[in-house]
Protein backbone atom coordinates (compact mmCIF):
# COMPACT_ATOMS: atom_id res chain seq x y z
CA MET A 1 -49.26 -116.94 -32.23
CA LYS A 2 -47.36 -119.98 -33.50
CA ARG A 3 -48.91 -121.89 -36.37
CA ALA A 4 -47.95 -125.18 -38.00
CA ALA A 5 -47.24 -124.91 -41.70
CA LEU A 6 -47.56 -127.63 -44.33
CA ARG A 7 -44.26 -127.48 -46.17
CA GLY A 8 -43.05 -128.98 -49.40
CA GLY A 9 -44.48 -129.28 -52.89
CA PHE A 10 -43.08 -125.97 -54.10
CA LEU A 11 -41.28 -125.69 -57.42
CA LEU A 12 -38.84 -122.80 -57.53
CA ILE A 13 -37.87 -121.68 -61.01
CA LEU A 14 -34.93 -119.33 -61.33
CA LEU A 15 -35.61 -117.14 -64.32
CA ASP A 16 -32.56 -114.85 -64.24
CA ILE A 17 -31.15 -112.16 -61.98
CA HIS A 18 -34.41 -110.25 -62.37
CA GLY A 19 -36.50 -112.56 -60.23
CA THR A 20 -38.05 -115.89 -59.39
CA GLN A 21 -41.41 -117.56 -59.66
CA GLU A 22 -42.96 -120.15 -57.38
CA PHE A 23 -45.78 -122.42 -58.42
CA ASN A 24 -47.92 -124.54 -56.13
CA GLY A 25 -51.27 -126.17 -56.75
CA THR A 26 -52.86 -125.07 -53.49
CA MET A 27 -50.84 -122.09 -52.22
CA THR A 28 -51.87 -123.08 -48.70
CA ASP A 29 -48.62 -122.13 -47.01
CA PRO A 30 -48.34 -118.60 -45.65
CA ILE A 31 -45.52 -116.44 -46.94
CA TYR A 32 -44.01 -113.65 -44.87
CA ALA A 33 -42.49 -110.34 -45.94
CA ILE A 34 -40.12 -107.97 -44.18
CA PRO A 35 -39.66 -104.51 -45.70
CA ASP A 36 -36.75 -102.06 -45.79
CA ILE A 37 -34.33 -102.91 -42.96
CA HIS A 38 -31.77 -100.14 -43.56
CA GLY A 39 -29.09 -101.49 -41.25
CA GLN A 40 -31.42 -101.92 -38.28
CA ASP A 41 -30.18 -105.35 -37.20
CA ALA A 42 -31.86 -105.24 -33.78
CA LEU A 43 -35.22 -104.47 -35.41
CA LEU A 44 -34.61 -107.28 -37.89
CA GLU A 45 -33.98 -109.73 -35.06
CA ALA A 46 -37.26 -108.71 -33.42
CA ALA A 47 -39.16 -109.04 -36.70
CA LEU A 48 -37.71 -112.50 -37.31
CA ASP A 49 -38.81 -113.52 -33.83
CA LEU A 50 -42.39 -112.46 -34.62
CA VAL A 51 -42.30 -114.46 -37.86
CA ALA A 52 -40.95 -117.55 -36.08
CA ARG A 53 -43.65 -117.32 -33.42
CA ASP A 54 -46.36 -117.08 -36.07
CA GLY A 55 -45.10 -119.51 -38.70
CA GLY A 56 -42.33 -121.59 -37.18
CA ALA A 57 -38.58 -121.59 -37.65
CA GLU A 58 -38.82 -122.61 -41.31
CA ALA A 59 -41.31 -119.95 -42.39
CA ARG A 60 -40.79 -118.66 -45.92
CA ILE A 61 -39.81 -115.01 -45.92
CA VAL A 62 -39.32 -112.46 -48.69
CA PHE A 63 -37.15 -109.47 -47.74
CA LEU A 64 -38.08 -106.44 -49.84
CA GLY A 65 -34.61 -104.92 -50.20
CA ASP A 66 -32.82 -101.86 -48.86
CA LEU A 67 -30.84 -103.91 -46.39
CA VAL A 68 -28.23 -101.19 -45.92
CA ASP A 69 -27.72 -97.48 -45.17
CA ARG A 70 -28.89 -95.12 -42.43
CA GLY A 71 -29.15 -97.70 -39.63
CA PRO A 72 -26.15 -98.62 -37.46
CA ASN A 73 -25.29 -102.16 -38.56
CA SER A 74 -25.67 -102.89 -42.25
CA ARG A 75 -22.82 -105.38 -42.11
CA ALA A 76 -24.64 -107.48 -39.49
CA VAL A 77 -27.85 -107.41 -41.53
CA ILE A 78 -26.07 -108.69 -44.64
CA GLU A 79 -24.22 -111.37 -42.71
CA ARG A 80 -27.36 -112.56 -40.92
CA LEU A 81 -29.31 -112.96 -44.15
CA ARG A 82 -26.41 -114.38 -46.17
CA VAL A 83 -25.60 -117.04 -43.59
CA ALA A 84 -29.26 -117.98 -43.15
CA GLN A 85 -29.63 -118.56 -46.88
CA ALA A 86 -26.42 -120.60 -46.94
CA GLN A 87 -27.85 -122.75 -44.15
CA GLY A 88 -30.91 -123.49 -46.25
CA ARG A 89 -33.51 -121.14 -44.81
CA PRO A 90 -36.35 -120.62 -47.32
CA TRP A 91 -35.69 -116.91 -47.52
CA THR A 92 -35.68 -114.75 -50.65
CA VAL A 93 -33.80 -111.47 -50.36
CA LEU A 94 -34.57 -108.84 -53.00
CA ARG A 95 -32.34 -105.99 -54.05
CA GLY A 96 -33.30 -102.40 -53.28
CA ASN A 97 -31.95 -99.12 -54.58
CA HIS A 98 -29.73 -98.60 -51.53
CA ASP A 99 -28.22 -102.05 -51.98
CA GLN A 100 -27.57 -101.15 -55.63
CA MET A 101 -25.88 -97.87 -54.67
CA PHE A 102 -23.65 -99.77 -52.24
CA MET A 103 -22.73 -102.24 -54.98
CA ASP A 104 -22.09 -99.47 -57.51
CA PHE A 105 -19.78 -97.71 -55.08
CA LEU A 106 -17.82 -100.88 -54.39
CA ASP A 107 -17.56 -101.69 -58.10
CA THR A 108 -16.66 -98.29 -59.52
CA GLY A 109 -16.34 -95.73 -56.73
CA VAL A 110 -19.37 -93.77 -58.00
CA ILE A 111 -21.06 -91.88 -55.17
CA LYS A 112 -23.93 -90.23 -57.06
CA SER A 113 -26.92 -91.81 -58.76
CA PRO A 114 -28.90 -90.16 -61.57
CA HIS A 115 -32.02 -91.32 -59.74
CA ILE A 116 -31.31 -89.04 -56.74
CA ARG A 117 -32.95 -85.78 -57.78
CA SER A 118 -31.31 -83.80 -54.99
CA GLY A 119 -27.86 -84.66 -56.32
CA LEU A 120 -26.72 -85.87 -52.90
CA SER A 121 -23.95 -88.43 -52.81
CA TRP A 122 -24.46 -91.90 -51.41
CA LEU A 123 -22.04 -91.00 -48.60
CA HIS A 124 -24.23 -88.10 -47.43
CA HIS A 125 -25.88 -88.69 -44.05
CA ARG A 126 -29.36 -88.40 -45.57
CA LEU A 127 -28.67 -91.40 -47.80
CA GLY A 128 -26.59 -93.21 -45.22
CA GLY A 129 -23.72 -94.69 -47.20
CA ALA A 130 -21.09 -93.51 -44.74
CA THR A 131 -23.03 -95.25 -41.96
CA THR A 132 -22.93 -98.48 -43.94
CA LEU A 133 -19.16 -98.18 -44.36
CA ALA A 134 -18.82 -97.40 -40.65
CA SER A 135 -20.37 -100.79 -39.91
CA TYR A 136 -17.36 -102.27 -41.73
CA GLY A 137 -15.00 -100.29 -39.53
CA LEU A 138 -14.42 -97.33 -41.85
CA ASP A 139 -14.57 -93.64 -40.98
CA VAL A 140 -14.89 -92.01 -44.38
CA THR A 141 -15.70 -88.67 -45.91
CA GLU A 142 -16.61 -87.82 -49.47
CA ASP A 143 -13.15 -88.27 -50.96
CA ALA A 144 -11.38 -90.65 -53.29
CA THR A 145 -9.74 -92.64 -50.49
CA ALA A 146 -13.09 -94.05 -49.37
CA TRP A 147 -13.41 -96.34 -52.39
CA GLU A 148 -10.16 -98.23 -51.97
CA ALA A 149 -10.66 -98.48 -48.22
CA ALA A 150 -14.15 -99.89 -48.74
CA ARG A 151 -12.98 -102.45 -51.29
CA ARG A 152 -10.50 -103.73 -48.72
CA ALA A 153 -12.96 -103.69 -45.81
CA VAL A 154 -16.07 -105.26 -47.36
CA PRO A 155 -15.66 -109.05 -47.62
CA GLN A 156 -15.83 -110.52 -51.11
CA ALA A 157 -18.51 -112.90 -49.81
CA HIS A 158 -20.76 -109.91 -49.09
CA ARG A 159 -20.13 -108.41 -52.53
CA ASP A 160 -20.84 -111.69 -54.31
CA TRP A 161 -24.01 -112.24 -52.31
CA LEU A 162 -25.35 -108.75 -53.02
CA ALA A 163 -24.61 -109.17 -56.72
CA GLY A 164 -26.80 -112.27 -56.82
CA LEU A 165 -29.92 -110.74 -55.27
CA PRO A 166 -33.01 -110.87 -57.52
CA LEU A 167 -35.26 -107.90 -58.16
CA TRP A 168 -38.65 -109.55 -57.68
CA GLN A 169 -40.43 -112.70 -56.62
CA GLU A 170 -43.79 -113.83 -57.95
CA VAL A 171 -45.82 -116.19 -55.76
CA GLY A 172 -49.27 -116.94 -57.14
CA GLU A 173 -51.26 -113.70 -57.12
CA LEU A 174 -48.55 -111.84 -55.20
CA LEU A 175 -45.60 -109.93 -56.64
CA PHE A 176 -42.89 -108.93 -54.18
CA VAL A 177 -40.60 -106.12 -55.35
CA HIS A 178 -38.63 -103.34 -53.71
CA ALA A 179 -40.12 -100.17 -55.21
CA GLY A 180 -42.90 -101.18 -57.59
CA ILE A 181 -43.54 -101.81 -61.27
CA ARG A 182 -44.28 -99.86 -64.41
CA PRO A 183 -48.02 -100.46 -64.92
CA GLY A 184 -48.96 -102.25 -68.12
CA LEU A 185 -45.62 -103.96 -68.70
CA SER A 186 -44.91 -107.66 -68.27
CA LEU A 187 -42.21 -108.67 -65.81
CA PRO A 188 -39.63 -109.42 -68.54
CA ALA A 189 -40.28 -105.95 -70.00
CA GLN A 190 -39.79 -104.08 -66.72
CA ASP A 191 -36.80 -101.76 -66.43
CA PRO A 192 -34.63 -102.99 -63.51
CA ALA A 193 -34.23 -99.37 -62.43
CA ASP A 194 -38.00 -99.04 -62.05
CA LEU A 195 -38.17 -102.14 -59.86
CA MET A 196 -35.71 -100.49 -57.46
CA TRP A 197 -36.59 -96.80 -57.78
CA ILE A 198 -40.07 -96.15 -59.18
CA ARG A 199 -42.56 -93.83 -57.52
CA ASP A 200 -44.15 -91.65 -60.22
CA GLY A 201 -46.49 -93.68 -62.38
CA PHE A 202 -46.79 -96.49 -59.85
CA LEU A 203 -47.86 -94.97 -56.55
CA ASP A 204 -50.53 -92.89 -58.27
CA HIS A 205 -51.83 -95.75 -60.44
CA GLU A 206 -55.32 -96.77 -59.30
CA GLY A 207 -56.01 -99.54 -61.80
CA ALA A 208 -55.60 -103.24 -61.18
CA HIS A 209 -52.28 -105.01 -61.64
CA PRO A 210 -51.96 -108.70 -62.60
CA TRP A 211 -50.90 -109.27 -58.97
CA LEU A 212 -51.25 -107.69 -55.58
CA VAL A 213 -47.93 -105.84 -55.54
CA VAL A 214 -46.12 -105.96 -52.19
CA HIS A 215 -43.37 -103.36 -51.93
CA GLY A 216 -41.40 -100.99 -49.75
CA HIS A 217 -39.14 -98.06 -50.81
CA THR A 218 -41.61 -95.28 -50.00
CA ALA A 219 -41.71 -94.84 -46.23
CA LEU A 220 -45.09 -94.26 -44.61
CA GLU A 221 -46.14 -93.80 -41.00
CA MET A 222 -47.71 -97.28 -41.15
CA PRO A 223 -47.87 -100.09 -43.72
CA THR A 224 -50.89 -99.44 -45.93
CA HIS A 225 -53.09 -101.51 -48.27
CA PHE A 226 -54.08 -99.49 -51.34
CA GLY A 227 -56.16 -102.20 -53.01
CA ASN A 228 -53.83 -102.93 -55.92
CA ARG A 229 -50.65 -102.75 -53.83
CA ILE A 230 -49.40 -102.88 -50.25
CA ASP A 231 -46.60 -100.60 -49.06
CA LEU A 232 -44.97 -102.27 -46.05
CA ASP A 233 -42.26 -99.66 -45.42
CA GLY A 234 -43.15 -98.12 -42.07
CA GLY A 235 -39.93 -96.12 -41.81
CA ALA A 236 -37.56 -98.37 -39.87
CA ALA A 237 -34.74 -96.34 -41.43
CA TYR A 238 -35.89 -93.40 -39.31
CA GLY A 239 -36.35 -95.26 -36.04
CA ARG A 240 -39.93 -96.41 -36.56
CA PRO A 241 -40.96 -100.09 -36.30
CA LEU A 242 -39.96 -102.75 -38.81
CA TRP A 243 -43.29 -104.39 -39.63
CA PRO A 244 -43.30 -108.04 -40.76
CA ALA A 245 -46.40 -109.19 -42.61
CA VAL A 246 -47.96 -112.54 -43.44
CA PHE A 247 -49.81 -113.37 -46.66
CA GLU A 248 -52.25 -116.22 -47.23
CA GLY A 249 -53.27 -115.73 -50.81
CA ARG A 250 -54.20 -112.06 -51.12
CA GLU A 251 -55.11 -111.76 -47.45
CA ALA A 252 -52.50 -109.82 -45.49
CA SER A 253 -51.86 -109.21 -41.80
CA LEU A 254 -49.20 -107.40 -39.83
CA LEU A 255 -47.45 -109.32 -37.05
CA THR A 256 -47.30 -107.72 -33.61
CA GLU A 257 -46.43 -108.80 -30.09
CA THR A 258 -50.13 -109.38 -29.44
CA GLY A 259 -50.90 -111.29 -32.65
CA ARG A 260 -52.01 -110.56 -36.19
CA ILE A 261 -53.63 -107.32 -37.35
CA ALA A 262 -55.52 -107.61 -40.64
CA LEU A 263 -54.27 -105.24 -43.34
CA CYS A 264 -57.25 -104.24 -45.47
CA PRO A 265 -57.82 -101.72 -48.28
């Protein structure tokens, strides 16, 4: 279903690398969200087609992070989103924990994160870092040579773009973030690591937040509305669908080939 959208009148305020806020007197325009892509460029293309059919070519989209790892073409995902932003598309791309691990590896060569309780390295197939590097033409194993090879293979434009990704976007009563928030803290007080990694203390929190929190990070069989939050990650990293959603105020719907499906608590 293709819908006309009244555009313009939005004031975008860049706060810092943490995130952005948008203010509008009416909030009449729909805003779309696409969750964890994980290198699935073909699924991303299909999701973008659904958004364009519903909201037009200039629909505003927030991407919830985890662009890379596990899927076959992380490089193509980054390039598609980077170029679209450079061309002026009204797209906000957030940073996820997998994007951060990719950046950390490129910056310092570190392959393990203290947030991975299993102790697995980013290059392990379960985390998917080696698959990301393969999309840049590298066949690597967990050894010291991978770092220098990756620094040569990954374009500086990709590194610079990843480094500039914000951690959240606030739009009216909606807060878009990769993993979630620490309940009870203001946005400036949030730990950046929580915004990319949190599960405990957020997923089990049943009280109201100042916003309807829209997130990914924790893969479910289907996107689910929990009342105070919506988890859109339907597991595209594992071959399941990549579900785009549309928000009009706090009302949410999934986009499908046959139209919208309301997402209700």
